[in-house]
Every structure is written in C-alpha cells, then in structure tokens.
Amino acid sequence: MDVSIREEDLPARLYKTYELKETEESVSDSDTTVLAEIEGEIAGFACLKYHDWNKRAEVKGIYVRPAFKGRGIGASLITYSVEYAKTRGARGLWLETQNINYPAIRLYMKTGFQFCGFDTSLYDPSAVMPGEIALYFFREAGSD
C-alpha cells in the first residue's frame, strides 16, 4: 500500500483545544522535559521518553504557549529533543500527531521528520473530530 501526506483546503477552518489533562499525562509518562524560556517566562516544553527495547526516543508531547507561537520555539524544542536522543544512544525520535494538526505536521517535516505510518482507530470516535486519524513521524538522531 502506497501512502503519502498531501495538503488539502477545507471549506472551513478547524479548531481544536487540548485539555490540560492530556498535557499532564504526557509529562507524567516522560523521563525528560525540555523547557523553552524567554525573559523568565516558560514559552513551551517538550516531554520525552527513551525506549530501550527499540533504541528510540519518543516525543510524548510538544507544546508552545500561544503568545510565543511563530517565534521558532517549536523548532528549538525539536533541536534539543534530538540532542536528548543522541545522549541516550537512540536511533532517532518518534512521535504521533493528528492529521488535522497542520502546524505540527509542517513543523515536524520542516525539522527533518518523515511520515512513517498512521492509525485510523487510535482515537475514540466520540472524542475526536470527524476524519481525525493518528499520523506517525520518525527522525534519525544523526540527521540535521
């Protein structure tokens, strides 16, 4: 099966808000958190976890506060996440996002991640937007 990602214009803009509960779960299930700080304020963070069984680091979550978006914070968090993966001896970084999260997909592809799979049944249908599916991305730790 040949699968690829393509950008598609929608009739109306989609908005989704993530609950703080989801953030707390990412933090509690990670072994490292990378913080981005600007002038004493936390601008964003990335939650990371190393998996020894497959020598892969997972980005459990990456968050940038709205006031700091568009300033390169996400890309900086990815850079530090790659460094974390290298220090652990990981082959690379793996992450999951939603097909409707265009800004995240754009960031990941811009920072060297490649699409590696999807899951149409990961999310509870009663809790997601119609057509929302999980997309998976991987980036080798040694690639810049």
Protein backbone atom coordinates (compact mmCIF):
# COMPACT_ATOMS: atom_id res chain seq x y z
CA MET A 1 0.00 0.00 0.00
CA ASP A 2 1.43 3.37 -1.02
CA VAL A 3 0.51 6.13 1.46
CA SER A 4 1.55 9.76 1.46
CA ILE A 5 0.57 13.06 3.02
CA ARG A 6 -1.00 15.81 0.96
CA GLU A 7 -2.29 19.21 1.91
CA GLU A 8 -5.95 19.84 1.23
CA ASP A 9 -8.00 23.03 1.51
CA LEU A 10 -11.08 22.65 3.69
CA PRO A 11 -14.34 24.59 3.34
CA ALA A 12 -13.93 25.96 6.89
CA ARG A 13 -11.03 26.29 9.31
CA LEU A 14 -10.81 23.62 12.04
CA TYR A 15 -10.04 24.45 15.65
CA LYS A 16 -9.29 22.01 18.43
CA THR A 17 -8.46 22.71 22.05
CA TYR A 18 -6.48 20.21 24.08
CA GLU A 19 -7.35 19.67 27.72
CA LEU A 20 -4.73 20.19 30.42
CA LYS A 21 -5.34 16.55 31.40
CA GLU A 22 -3.68 15.42 28.13
CA THR A 23 -0.65 17.58 28.94
CA GLU A 24 -0.38 16.13 32.45
CA GLU A 25 -0.43 12.58 31.07
CA SER A 26 2.42 13.40 28.65
CA VAL A 27 4.51 14.90 31.46
CA SER A 28 3.91 12.05 33.92
CA ASP A 29 4.77 9.39 31.32
CA SER A 30 8.02 11.01 30.19
CA ASP A 31 11.53 10.74 31.61
CA THR A 32 12.77 14.16 30.46
CA THR A 33 11.14 17.52 29.89
CA VAL A 34 12.87 20.22 27.85
CA LEU A 35 11.79 23.79 28.67
CA ALA A 36 11.97 26.84 26.40
CA GLU A 37 12.17 30.06 28.37
CA ILE A 38 12.05 33.65 27.12
CA GLU A 39 12.75 36.51 29.52
CA GLY A 40 11.86 34.41 32.55
CA GLU A 41 8.63 33.02 31.10
CA ILE A 42 8.09 29.44 30.04
CA ALA A 43 7.37 29.67 26.32
CA GLY A 44 6.96 25.94 25.72
CA PHE A 45 8.17 22.47 26.53
CA ALA A 46 8.70 19.01 25.09
CA CYS A 47 8.13 15.78 27.01
CA LEU A 48 10.44 12.93 26.00
CA LYS A 49 10.81 9.26 26.81
CA TYR A 50 13.55 6.84 25.84
CA HIS A 51 12.57 3.27 24.98
CA ASP A 52 15.46 0.88 25.43
CA TRP A 53 13.76 -2.07 23.70
CA ASN A 54 13.85 -0.36 20.28
CA LYS A 55 16.53 2.28 20.92
CA ARG A 56 14.10 5.08 20.08
CA ALA A 57 13.21 8.29 21.87
CA GLU A 58 9.56 9.33 21.81
CA VAL A 59 8.27 12.89 21.81
CA LYS A 60 5.33 12.39 24.17
CA GLY A 61 4.19 15.95 23.63
CA ILE A 62 5.43 19.30 22.44
CA TYR A 63 3.67 22.49 23.48
CA VAL A 64 4.23 26.15 22.71
CA ARG A 65 2.18 28.78 24.51
CA PRO A 66 0.02 30.79 22.09
CA ALA A 67 1.79 34.09 22.86
CA PHE A 68 5.10 32.55 21.72
CA LYS A 69 3.98 30.74 18.55
CA GLY A 70 5.71 31.65 15.30
CA ARG A 71 9.00 32.51 17.03
CA GLY A 72 10.92 29.29 16.40
CA ILE A 73 10.24 27.80 19.84
CA GLY A 74 8.92 24.51 18.41
CA ALA A 75 11.97 24.09 16.17
CA SER A 76 14.28 24.81 19.12
CA LEU A 77 12.49 22.21 21.22
CA ILE A 78 12.95 19.69 18.41
CA THR A 79 16.68 20.53 18.24
CA TYR A 80 17.09 19.87 21.96
CA SER A 81 14.95 16.73 21.68
CA VAL A 82 17.33 15.39 19.03
CA GLU A 83 20.26 16.13 21.35
CA TYR A 84 18.49 14.23 24.13
CA ALA A 85 18.03 11.25 21.78
CA LYS A 86 21.73 11.32 20.87
CA THR A 87 22.81 11.37 24.54
CA ARG A 88 20.67 8.29 25.19
CA GLY A 89 22.14 6.48 22.18
CA ALA A 90 18.76 6.42 20.44
CA ARG A 91 18.42 5.67 16.73
CA GLY A 92 16.08 8.60 16.48
CA LEU A 93 12.89 10.32 17.57
CA TRP A 94 9.35 9.08 17.02
CA LEU A 95 6.10 10.96 17.55
CA GLU A 96 2.36 10.95 16.87
CA THR A 97 0.09 13.80 15.86
CA GLN A 98 -3.32 14.23 14.28
CA ASN A 99 -3.92 14.58 10.55
CA ILE A 100 -5.83 17.82 11.28
CA ASN A 101 -2.89 19.42 13.13
CA TYR A 102 -1.40 21.20 10.13
CA PRO A 103 1.01 23.46 12.09
CA ALA A 104 2.52 20.44 13.86
CA ILE A 105 2.86 18.41 10.66
CA ARG A 106 4.53 21.36 8.95
CA LEU A 107 6.95 21.80 11.88
CA TYR A 108 7.87 18.12 12.01
CA MET A 109 8.51 17.83 8.30
CA LYS A 110 10.49 21.10 8.29
CA THR A 111 12.70 19.79 11.10
CA GLY A 112 13.61 16.52 9.38
CA PHE A 113 10.86 14.11 10.40
CA GLN A 114 9.44 11.73 7.82
CA PHE A 115 5.96 10.31 7.76
CA CYS A 116 6.14 6.62 8.72
CA GLY A 117 2.58 5.46 9.36
CA PHE A 118 -0.96 6.06 10.52
CA ASP A 119 -3.72 4.55 12.66
CA THR A 120 -7.37 5.15 11.78
CA SER A 121 -8.62 3.56 15.03
CA LEU A 122 -6.37 5.09 17.72
CA TYR A 123 -8.76 7.81 18.85
CA ASP A 124 -12.15 7.30 20.49
CA PRO A 125 -14.68 8.30 17.79
CA SER A 126 -16.87 10.05 20.38
CA ALA A 127 -13.99 12.33 21.37
CA VAL A 128 -12.48 13.40 18.04
CA MET A 129 -13.35 15.48 15.03
CA PRO A 130 -14.77 13.63 12.01
CA GLY A 131 -11.96 12.17 9.89
CA GLU A 132 -9.30 12.63 12.59
CA ILE A 133 -6.58 9.98 12.45
CA ALA A 134 -3.19 9.45 14.06
CA LEU A 135 -0.09 10.14 11.98
CA TYR A 136 3.37 8.90 12.97
CA PHE A 137 6.69 10.53 12.17
CA PHE A 138 10.32 9.48 12.68
CA ARG A 139 13.60 11.35 12.51
CA GLU A 140 17.02 9.79 12.77
CA ALA A 141 19.02 11.21 15.66
CA GLY A 142 22.06 11.75 13.47
CA SER A 143 20.28 13.76 10.73
CA ASP A 144 20.40 17.56 10.81
